[in-house]
Amino acid sequence: MTAKLGDAVKQLMEGWISPQQARCESVSKAWSELLPAGLVRHCKLAEISGGQLKVVADSPLYMHELRLCSRQLLEELQQRCPQAGIKRIKLAIG
């Protein structure tokens, strides 16, 4: 029995990509609401993988500021987006 490519793609979209996209969108929305205004332009979400949210800051100064509030941000994200399964925030400069 052969499967049609379109059916396989649809199954992939509905079973994995759409839930992944929804999870990322909810985290992105919450992030933009929670992040202090001075950091919004300097800190971007990079990825969510294995319970880790990777955030990239554009300079060490903003990474330091982000580090100071990252515990509170993590707690808020866990409350608002439990489906994302975020256990840790990893910070990087980029």
PDB file of N, CA and C in Angstrom:
ATOM      1  N   MET A   1       0.845  -1.181   0.000  1.00  0.00           N
ATOM      2  CA  MET A   1       0.000   0.000   0.000  1.00  0.00           C
ATOM      3  C   MET A   1       0.896   1.252   0.000  1.00  0.00           C
ATOM      4  N   THR A   2       0.607   2.184  -0.875  1.00  0.00           N
ATOM      5  CA  THR A   2       1.406   3.404  -0.961  1.00  0.00           C
ATOM      6  C   THR A   2       0.590   4.580  -0.445  1.00  0.00           C
ATOM      7  N   ALA A   3       1.300   5.526   0.141  1.00  0.00           N
ATOM      8  CA  ALA A   3       0.651   6.734   0.647  1.00  0.00           C
ATOM      9  C   ALA A   3       0.938   7.874  -0.312  1.00  0.00           C
ATOM     10  N   LYS A   4      -0.004   8.755  -0.441  1.00  0.00           N
ATOM     11  CA  LYS A   4       0.202   9.937  -1.271  1.00  0.00           C
ATOM     12  C   LYS A   4       1.073  10.927  -0.511  1.00  0.00           C
ATOM     13  N   LEU A   5       1.941  11.599  -1.250  1.00  0.00           N
ATOM     14  CA  LEU A   5       2.843  12.570  -0.639  1.00  0.00           C
ATOM     15  C   LEU A   5       2.055  13.662   0.074  1.00  0.00           C
ATOM     16  N   GLY A   6       0.990  14.137  -0.550  1.00  0.00           N
ATOM     17  CA  GLY A   6       0.166  15.182   0.060  1.00  0.00           C
ATOM     18  C   GLY A   6      -0.414  14.748   1.397  1.00  0.00           C
ATOM     19  N   ASP A   7      -0.835  13.489   1.483  1.00  0.00           N
ATOM     20  CA  ASP A   7      -1.384  12.972   2.744  1.00  0.00           C
ATOM     21  C   ASP A   7      -0.304  12.896   3.822  1.00  0.00           C
ATOM     22  N   ALA A   8       0.900  12.484   3.412  1.00  0.00           N
ATOM     23  CA  ALA A   8       2.011  12.390   4.358  1.00  0.00           C
ATOM     24  C   ALA A   8       2.391  13.774   4.887  1.00  0.00           C
ATOM     25  N   VAL A   9       2.433  14.749   3.997  1.00  0.00           N
ATOM     26  CA  VAL A   9       2.773  16.117   4.404  1.00  0.00           C
ATOM     27  C   VAL A   9       1.698  16.671   5.334  1.00  0.00           C
ATOM     28  N   LYS A  10       0.448  16.445   5.001  1.00  0.00           N
ATOM     29  CA  LYS A  10      -0.655  16.924   5.844  1.00  0.00           C
ATOM     30  C   LYS A  10      -0.572  16.306   7.234  1.00  0.00           C
ATOM     31  N   GLN A  11      -0.280  15.015   7.290  1.00  0.00           N
ATOM     32  CA  GLN A  11      -0.168  14.340   8.576  1.00  0.00           C
ATOM     33  C   GLN A  11       0.989  14.926   9.390  1.00  0.00           C
ATOM     34  N   LEU A  12       2.106  15.187   8.734  1.00  0.00           N
ATOM     35  CA  LEU A  12       3.245  15.808   9.409  1.00  0.00           C
ATOM     36  C   LEU A  12       2.878  17.191   9.930  1.00  0.00           C
ATOM     37  N   MET A  13       2.218  17.992   9.109  1.00  0.00           N
ATOM     38  CA  MET A  13       1.822  19.350   9.503  1.00  0.00           C
ATOM     39  C   MET A  13       0.889  19.329  10.701  1.00  0.00           C
ATOM     40  N   GLU A  14      -0.093  18.453  10.677  1.00  0.00           N
ATOM     41  CA  GLU A  14      -1.084  18.402  11.754  1.00  0.00           C
ATOM     42  C   GLU A  14      -0.531  17.758  13.014  1.00  0.00           C
ATOM     43  N   GLY A  15       0.370  16.799  12.839  1.00  0.00           N
ATOM     44  CA  GLY A  15       0.858  16.048  13.983  1.00  0.00           C
ATOM     45  C   GLY A  15       2.063  16.623  14.682  1.00  0.00           C
ATOM     46  N   TRP A  16       2.870  17.390  13.965  1.00  0.00           N
ATOM     47  CA  TRP A  16       4.072  17.879  14.599  1.00  0.00           C
ATOM     48  C   TRP A  16       4.309  19.363  14.377  1.00  0.00           C
ATOM     49  N   ILE A  17       4.292  19.802  13.139  1.00  0.00           N
ATOM     50  CA  ILE A  17       4.656  21.188  12.850  1.00  0.00           C
ATOM     51  C   ILE A  17       3.644  22.176  13.429  1.00  0.00           C
ATOM     52  N   SER A  18       2.365  21.941  13.245  1.00  0.00           N
ATOM     53  CA  SER A  18       1.371  22.877  13.774  1.00  0.00           C
ATOM     54  C   SER A  18       1.436  23.003  15.293  1.00  0.00           C
ATOM     55  N   PRO A  19       1.503  21.891  16.049  1.00  0.00           N
ATOM     56  CA  PRO A  19       1.640  22.047  17.503  1.00  0.00           C
ATOM     57  C   PRO A  19       2.938  22.757  17.894  1.00  0.00           C
ATOM     58  N   GLN A  20       4.030  22.464  17.188  1.00  0.00           N
ATOM     59  CA  GLN A  20       5.314  23.117  17.458  1.00  0.00           C
ATOM     60  C   GLN A  20       5.204  24.624  17.197  1.00  0.00           C
ATOM     61  N   GLN A  21       4.570  24.974  16.099  1.00  0.00           N
ATOM     62  CA  GLN A  21       4.399  26.387  15.750  1.00  0.00           C
ATOM     63  C   GLN A  21       3.528  27.084  16.796  1.00  0.00           C
ATOM     64  N   ALA A  22       2.453  26.453  17.216  1.00  0.00           N
ATOM     65  CA  ALA A  22       1.563  27.043  18.218  1.00  0.00           C
ATOM     66  C   ALA A  22       2.305  27.251  19.534  1.00  0.00           C
ATOM     67  N   ARG A  23       3.131  26.280  19.900  1.00  0.00           N
ATOM     68  CA  ARG A  23       3.900  26.380  21.137  1.00  0.00           C
ATOM     69  C   ARG A  23       4.861  27.559  21.065  1.00  0.00           C
ATOM     70  N   CYS A  24       5.544  27.707  19.957  1.00  0.00           N
ATOM     71  CA  CYS A  24       6.498  28.807  19.797  1.00  0.00           C
ATOM     72  C   CYS A  24       5.800  30.160  19.759  1.00  0.00           C
ATOM     73  N   GLU A  25       4.648  30.217  19.119  1.00  0.00           N
ATOM     74  CA  GLU A  25       3.910  31.476  19.053  1.00  0.00           C
ATOM     75  C   GLU A  25       3.450  31.920  20.434  1.00  0.00           C
ATOM     76  N   SER A  26       2.979  30.985  21.260  1.00  0.00           N
ATOM     77  CA  SER A  26       2.521  31.367  22.589  1.00  0.00           C
ATOM     78  C   SER A  26       3.690  31.849  23.441  1.00  0.00           C
ATOM     79  N   VAL A  27       4.836  31.209  23.317  1.00  0.00           N
ATOM     80  CA  VAL A  27       6.025  31.635  24.059  1.00  0.00           C
ATOM     81  C   VAL A  27       6.485  33.001  23.559  1.00  0.00           C
ATOM     82  N   SER A  28       6.491  33.198  22.263  1.00  0.00           N
ATOM     83  CA  SER A  28       6.915  34.471  21.685  1.00  0.00           C
ATOM     84  C   SER A  28       6.019  35.618  22.152  1.00  0.00           C
ATOM     85  N   LYS A  29       4.731  35.366  22.163  1.00  0.00           N
ATOM     86  CA  LYS A  29       3.785  36.403  22.614  1.00  0.00           C
ATOM     87  C   LYS A  29       4.003  36.730  24.096  1.00  0.00           C
ATOM     88  N   ALA A  30       4.113  35.698  24.921  1.00  0.00           N
ATOM     89  CA  ALA A  30       4.338  35.914  26.353  1.00  0.00           C
ATOM     90  C   ALA A  30       5.672  36.623  26.584  1.00  0.00           C
ATOM     91  N   TRP A  31       6.704  36.213  25.839  1.00  0.00           N
ATOM     92  CA  TRP A  31       8.026  36.819  25.972  1.00  0.00           C
ATOM     93  C   TRP A  31       7.960  38.317  25.712  1.00  0.00           C
ATOM     94  N   SER A  32       7.293  38.702  24.631  1.00  0.00           N
ATOM     95  CA  SER A  32       7.223  40.127  24.291  1.00  0.00           C
ATOM     96  C   SER A  32       6.437  40.921  25.324  1.00  0.00           C
ATOM     97  N   GLU A  33       5.506  40.280  26.009  1.00  0.00           N
ATOM     98  CA  GLU A  33       4.743  40.959  27.060  1.00  0.00           C
ATOM     99  C   GLU A  33       5.520  41.048  28.373  1.00  0.00           C
ATOM    100  N   LEU A  34       6.363  40.070  28.641  1.00  0.00           N
ATOM    101  CA  LEU A  34       7.077  39.995  29.916  1.00  0.00           C
ATOM    102  C   LEU A  34       8.414  40.731  29.925  1.00  0.00           C
ATOM    103  N   LEU A  35       9.082  40.774  28.792  1.00  0.00           N
ATOM    104  CA  LEU A  35      10.424  41.342  28.732  1.00  0.00           C
ATOM    105  C   LEU A  35      10.388  42.841  29.022  1.00  0.00           C
ATOM    106  N   PRO A  36      11.262  43.325  29.898  1.00  0.00           N
ATOM    107  CA  PRO A  36      11.320  44.767  30.153  1.00  0.00           C
ATOM    108  C   PRO A  36      11.537  45.534  28.845  1.00  0.00           C
ATOM    109  N   ALA A  37      10.896  46.671  28.724  1.00  0.00           N
ATOM    110  CA  ALA A  37      10.899  47.461  27.485  1.00  0.00           C
ATOM    111  C   ALA A  37      12.303  47.748  26.963  1.00  0.00           C
ATOM    112  N   GLY A  38      13.243  48.005  27.831  1.00  0.00           N
ATOM    113  CA  GLY A  38      14.600  48.322  27.400  1.00  0.00           C
ATOM    114  C   GLY A  38      15.341  47.160  26.766  1.00  0.00           C
ATOM    115  N   LEU A  39      14.843  45.946  26.940  1.00  0.00           N
ATOM    116  CA  LEU A  39      15.516  44.765  26.397  1.00  0.00           C
ATOM    117  C   LEU A  39      14.883  44.237  25.117  1.00  0.00           C
ATOM    118  N   VAL A  40      13.681  44.659  24.816  1.00  0.00           N
ATOM    119  CA  VAL A  40      12.932  44.095  23.682  1.00  0.00           C
ATOM    120  C   VAL A  40      13.715  44.146  22.380  1.00  0.00           C
ATOM    121  N   ARG A  41      14.316  45.277  22.075  1.00  0.00           N
ATOM    122  CA  ARG A  41      15.036  45.425  20.801  1.00  0.00           C
ATOM    123  C   ARG A  41      16.392  44.728  20.788  1.00  0.00           C
ATOM    124  N   HIS A  42      16.856  44.290  21.950  1.00  0.00           N
ATOM    125  CA  HIS A  42      18.207  43.751  22.044  1.00  0.00           C
ATOM    126  C   HIS A  42      18.285  42.258  22.361  1.00  0.00           C
ATOM    127  N   CYS A  43      17.152  41.635  22.647  1.00  0.00           N
ATOM    128  CA  CYS A  43      17.137  40.224  23.021  1.00  0.00           C
ATOM    129  C   CYS A  43      16.066  39.496  22.210  1.00  0.00           C
ATOM    130  N   LYS A  44      16.474  38.478  21.491  1.00  0.00           N
ATOM    131  CA  LYS A  44      15.563  37.750  20.604  1.00  0.00           C
ATOM    132  C   LYS A  44      15.518  36.272  20.969  1.00  0.00           C
ATOM    133  N   LEU A  45      14.345  35.683  20.822  1.00  0.00           N
ATOM    134  CA  LEU A  45      14.210  34.242  21.009  1.00  0.00           C
ATOM    135  C   LEU A  45      14.851  33.553  19.814  1.00  0.00           C
ATOM    136  N   ALA A  46      15.658  32.537  20.079  1.00  0.00           N
ATOM    137  CA  ALA A  46      16.324  31.823  18.994  1.00  0.00           C
ATOM    138  C   ALA A  46      15.664  30.475  18.735  1.00  0.00           C
ATOM    139  N   GLU A  47      15.404  29.699  19.804  1.00  0.00           N
ATOM    140  CA  GLU A  47      14.795  28.388  19.617  1.00  0.00           C
ATOM    141  C   GLU A  47      14.320  27.822  20.946  1.00  0.00           C
ATOM    142  N   ILE A  48      13.444  26.837  20.835  1.00  0.00           N
ATOM    143  CA  ILE A  48      13.006  26.051  21.977  1.00  0.00           C
ATOM    144  C   ILE A  48      13.314  24.608  21.625  1.00  0.00           C
ATOM    145  N   SER A  49      14.111  23.977  22.460  1.00  0.00           N
ATOM    146  CA  SER A  49      14.495  22.601  22.178  1.00  0.00           C
ATOM    147  C   SER A  49      14.856  21.890  23.475  1.00  0.00           C
ATOM    148  N   GLY A  50      14.312  20.711  23.670  1.00  0.00           N
ATOM    149  CA  GLY A  50      14.660  19.907  24.836  1.00  0.00           C
ATOM    150  C   GLY A  50      14.418  20.605  26.153  1.00  0.00           C
ATOM    151  N   GLY A  51      13.354  21.398  26.235  1.00  0.00           N
ATOM    152  CA  GLY A  51      13.034  22.104  27.473  1.00  0.00           C
ATOM    153  C   GLY A  51      13.858  23.358  27.705  1.00  0.00           C
ATOM    154  N   GLN A  52      14.631  23.741  26.720  1.00  0.00           N
ATOM    155  CA  GLN A  52      15.497  24.913  26.850  1.00  0.00           C
ATOM    156  C   GLN A  52      15.083  25.997  25.862  1.00  0.00           C
ATOM    157  N   LEU A  53      14.938  27.201  26.366  1.00  0.00           N
ATOM    158  CA  LEU A  53      14.652  28.366  25.543  1.00  0.00           C
ATOM    159  C   LEU A  53      15.963  29.111  25.349  1.00  0.00           C
ATOM    160  N   LYS A  54      16.408  29.211  24.106  1.00  0.00           N
ATOM    161  CA  LYS A  54      17.646  29.926  23.820  1.00  0.00           C
ATOM    162  C   LYS A  54      17.305  31.357  23.428  1.00  0.00           C
ATOM    163  N   VAL A  55      17.962  32.297  24.108  1.00  0.00           N
ATOM    164  CA  VAL A  55      17.750  33.716  23.874  1.00  0.00           C
ATOM    165  C   VAL A  55      19.090  34.343  23.491  1.00  0.00           C
ATOM    166  N   VAL A  56      19.069  35.162  22.452  1.00  0.00           N
ATOM    167  CA  VAL A  56      20.287  35.813  21.972  1.00  0.00           C
ATOM    168  C   VAL A  56      20.186  37.317  22.247  1.00  0.00           C
ATOM    169  N   ALA A  57      21.202  37.833  22.923  1.00  0.00           N
ATOM    170  CA  ALA A  57      21.295  39.271  23.191  1.00  0.00           C
ATOM    171  C   ALA A  57      22.345  39.859  22.254  1.00  0.00           C
ATOM    172  N   ASP A  58      22.160  41.109  21.851  1.00  0.00           N
ATOM    173  CA  ASP A  58      23.093  41.690  20.879  1.00  0.00           C
ATOM    174  C   ASP A  58      24.347  42.303  21.499  1.00  0.00           C
ATOM    175  N   SER A  59      24.457  42.290  22.826  1.00  0.00           N
ATOM    176  CA  SER A  59      25.691  42.764  23.468  1.00  0.00           C
ATOM    177  C   SER A  59      25.783  42.177  24.877  1.00  0.00           C
ATOM    178  N   PRO A  60      26.988  42.149  25.437  1.00  0.00           N
ATOM    179  CA  PRO A  60      27.158  41.640  26.801  1.00  0.00           C
ATOM    180  C   PRO A  60      26.354  42.439  27.827  1.00  0.00           C
ATOM    181  N   LEU A  61      26.192  43.720  27.600  1.00  0.00           N
ATOM    182  CA  LEU A  61      25.426  44.556  28.521  1.00  0.00           C
ATOM    183  C   LEU A  61      23.988  44.059  28.637  1.00  0.00           C
ATOM    184  N   TYR A  62      23.353  43.810  27.501  1.00  0.00           N
ATOM    185  CA  TYR A  62      21.967  43.358  27.523  1.00  0.00           C
ATOM    186  C   TYR A  62      21.853  41.914  27.998  1.00  0.00           C
ATOM    187  N   MET A  63      22.875  41.127  27.735  1.00  0.00           N
ATOM    188  CA  MET A  63      22.873  39.760  28.245  1.00  0.00           C
ATOM    189  C   MET A  63      22.926  39.773  29.776  1.00  0.00           C
ATOM    190  N   HIS A  64      23.731  40.668  30.323  1.00  0.00           N
ATOM    191  CA  HIS A  64      23.810  40.796  31.786  1.00  0.00           C
ATOM    192  C   HIS A  64      22.458  41.217  32.364  1.00  0.00           C
ATOM    193  N   GLU A  65      21.834  42.203  31.747  1.00  0.00           N
ATOM    194  CA  GLU A  65      20.515  42.652  32.219  1.00  0.00           C
ATOM    195  C   GLU A  65      19.492  41.523  32.136  1.00  0.00           C
ATOM    196  N   LEU A  66      19.558  40.773  31.056  1.00  0.00           N
ATOM    197  CA  LEU A  66      18.647  39.652  30.878  1.00  0.00           C
ATOM    198  C   LEU A  66      18.893  38.572  31.935  1.00  0.00           C
ATOM    199  N   ARG A  67      20.152  38.340  32.229  1.00  0.00           N
ATOM    200  CA  ARG A  67      20.494  37.347  33.254  1.00  0.00           C
ATOM    201  C   ARG A  67      19.888  37.728  34.609  1.00  0.00           C
ATOM    202  N   LEU A  68      19.875  39.019  34.911  1.00  0.00           N
ATOM    203  CA  LEU A  68      19.323  39.481  36.188  1.00  0.00           C
ATOM    204  C   LEU A  68      17.833  39.185  36.334  1.00  0.00           C
ATOM    205  N   CYS A  69      17.112  39.175  35.229  1.00  0.00           N
ATOM    206  CA  CYS A  69      15.668  38.938  35.318  1.00  0.00           C
ATOM    207  C   CYS A  69      15.249  37.576  34.753  1.00  0.00           C
ATOM    208  N   SER A  70      16.212  36.745  34.376  1.00  0.00           N
ATOM    209  CA  SER A  70      15.872  35.486  33.700  1.00  0.00           C
ATOM    210  C   SER A  70      15.109  34.505  34.595  1.00  0.00           C
ATOM    211  N   ARG A  71      15.391  34.467  35.885  1.00  0.00           N
ATOM    212  CA  ARG A  71      14.665  33.561  36.775  1.00  0.00           C
ATOM    213  C   ARG A  71      13.179  33.912  36.804  1.00  0.00           C
ATOM    214  N   GLN A  72      12.883  35.189  36.947  1.00  0.00           N
ATOM    215  CA  GLN A  72      11.494  35.639  36.969  1.00  0.00           C
ATOM    216  C   GLN A  72      10.828  35.402  35.610  1.00  0.00           C
ATOM    217  N   LEU A  73      11.544  35.665  34.527  1.00  0.00           N
ATOM    218  CA  LEU A  73      11.008  35.413  33.187  1.00  0.00           C
ATOM    219  C   LEU A  73      10.685  33.930  32.998  1.00  0.00           C
ATOM    220  N   LEU A  74      11.590  33.065  33.452  1.00  0.00           N
ATOM    221  CA  LEU A  74      11.364  31.629  33.338  1.00  0.00           C
ATOM    222  C   LEU A  74      10.108  31.215  34.095  1.00  0.00           C
ATOM    223  N   GLU A  75       9.966  31.684  35.307  1.00  0.00           N
ATOM    224  CA  GLU A  75       8.789  31.337  36.110  1.00  0.00           C
ATOM    225  C   GLU A  75       7.502  31.803  35.436  1.00  0.00           C
ATOM    226  N   GLU A  76       7.505  33.007  34.905  1.00  0.00           N
ATOM    227  CA  GLU A  76       6.324  33.538  34.221  1.00  0.00           C
ATOM    228  C   GLU A  76       6.014  32.752  32.951  1.00  0.00           C
ATOM    229  N   LEU A  77       7.044  32.413  32.175  1.00  0.00           N
ATOM    230  CA  LEU A  77       6.832  31.633  30.953  1.00  0.00           C
ATOM    231  C   LEU A  77       6.288  30.241  31.285  1.00  0.00           C
ATOM    232  N   GLN A  78       6.790  29.644  32.353  1.00  0.00           N
ATOM    233  CA  GLN A  78       6.303  28.329  32.759  1.00  0.00           C
ATOM    234  C   GLN A  78       4.830  28.392  33.147  1.00  0.00           C
ATOM    235  N   GLN A  79       4.426  29.478  33.789  1.00  0.00           N
ATOM    236  CA  GLN A  79       3.023  29.657  34.164  1.00  0.00           C
ATOM    237  C   GLN A  79       2.148  29.906  32.954  1.00  0.00           C
ATOM    238  N   ARG A  80       2.571  30.805  32.086  1.00  0.00           N
ATOM    239  CA  ARG A  80       1.749  31.197  30.935  1.00  0.00           C
ATOM    240  C   ARG A  80       1.749  30.176  29.806  1.00  0.00           C
ATOM    241  N   CYS A  81       2.834  29.440  29.651  1.00  0.00           N
ATOM    242  CA  CYS A  81       2.992  28.519  28.514  1.00  0.00           C
ATOM    243  C   CYS A  81       3.444  27.136  28.992  1.00  0.00           C
ATOM    244  N   PRO A  82       2.652  26.477  29.823  1.00  0.00           N
ATOM    245  CA  PRO A  82       3.087  25.171  30.336  1.00  0.00           C
ATOM    246  C   PRO A  82       3.298  24.137  29.232  1.00  0.00           C
ATOM    247  N   GLN A  83       2.561  24.269  28.132  1.00  0.00           N
ATOM    248  CA  GLN A  83       2.682  23.316  27.024  1.00  0.00           C
ATOM    249  C   GLN A  83       4.048  23.372  26.358  1.00  0.00           C
ATOM    250  N   ALA A  84       4.791  24.470  26.542  1.00  0.00           N
ATOM    251  CA  ALA A  84       6.115  24.609  25.934  1.00  0.00           C
ATOM    252  C   ALA A  84       7.159  23.772  26.668  1.00  0.00           C
ATOM    253  N   GLY A  85       6.910  23.454  27.929  1.00  0.00           N
ATOM    254  CA  GLY A  85       7.835  22.614  28.692  1.00  0.00           C
ATOM    255  C   GLY A  85       9.202  23.235  28.920  1.00  0.00           C
ATOM    256  N   ILE A  86       9.246  24.543  29.073  1.00  0.00           N
ATOM    257  CA  ILE A  86      10.529  25.234  29.262  1.00  0.00           C
ATOM    258  C   ILE A  86      11.013  25.017  30.694  1.00  0.00           C
ATOM    259  N   LYS A  87      12.229  24.492  30.801  1.00  0.00           N
ATOM    260  CA  LYS A  87      12.823  24.230  32.105  1.00  0.00           C
ATOM    261  C   LYS A  87      14.011  25.145  32.382  1.00  0.00           C
ATOM    262  N   ARG A  88      14.515  25.755  31.327  1.00  0.00           N
ATOM    263  CA  ARG A  88      15.734  26.540  31.446  1.00  0.00           C
ATOM    264  C   ARG A  88      15.799  27.586  30.346  1.00  0.00           C
ATOM    265  N   ILE A  89      16.407  28.729  30.669  1.00  0.00           N
ATOM    266  CA  ILE A  89      16.694  29.748  29.662  1.00  0.00           C
ATOM    267  C   ILE A  89      18.197  29.791  29.473  1.00  0.00           C
ATOM    268  N   LYS A  90      18.629  29.615  28.237  1.00  0.00           N
ATOM    269  CA  LYS A  90      20.045  29.688  27.901  1.00  0.00           C
ATOM    270  C   LYS A  90      20.293  31.012  27.183  1.00  0.00           C
ATOM    271  N   LEU A  91      21.280  31.740  27.648  1.00  0.00           N
ATOM    272  CA  LEU A  91      21.590  33.042  27.072  1.00  0.00           C
ATOM    273  C   LEU A  91      22.853  32.978  26.229  1.00  0.00           C
ATOM    274  N   ALA A  92      22.842  33.710  25.127  1.00  0.00           N
ATOM    275  CA  ALA A  92      23.997  33.769  24.236  1.00  0.00           C
ATOM    276  C   ALA A  92      24.098  35.173  23.653  1.00  0.00           C
ATOM    277  N   ILE A  93      25.286  35.495  23.161  1.00  0.00           N
ATOM    278  CA  ILE A  93      25.486  36.780  22.486  1.00  0.00           C
ATOM    279  C   ILE A  93      25.562  36.496  20.996  1.00  0.00           C
ATOM    280  N   GLY A  94      24.857  37.317  20.224  1.00  0.00           N
ATOM    281  CA  GLY A  94      24.875  37.076  18.787  1.00  0.00           C
ATOM    282  C   GLY A  94      24.493  38.264  17.974  1.00  0.00           C
TER     283      GLY A  94
END
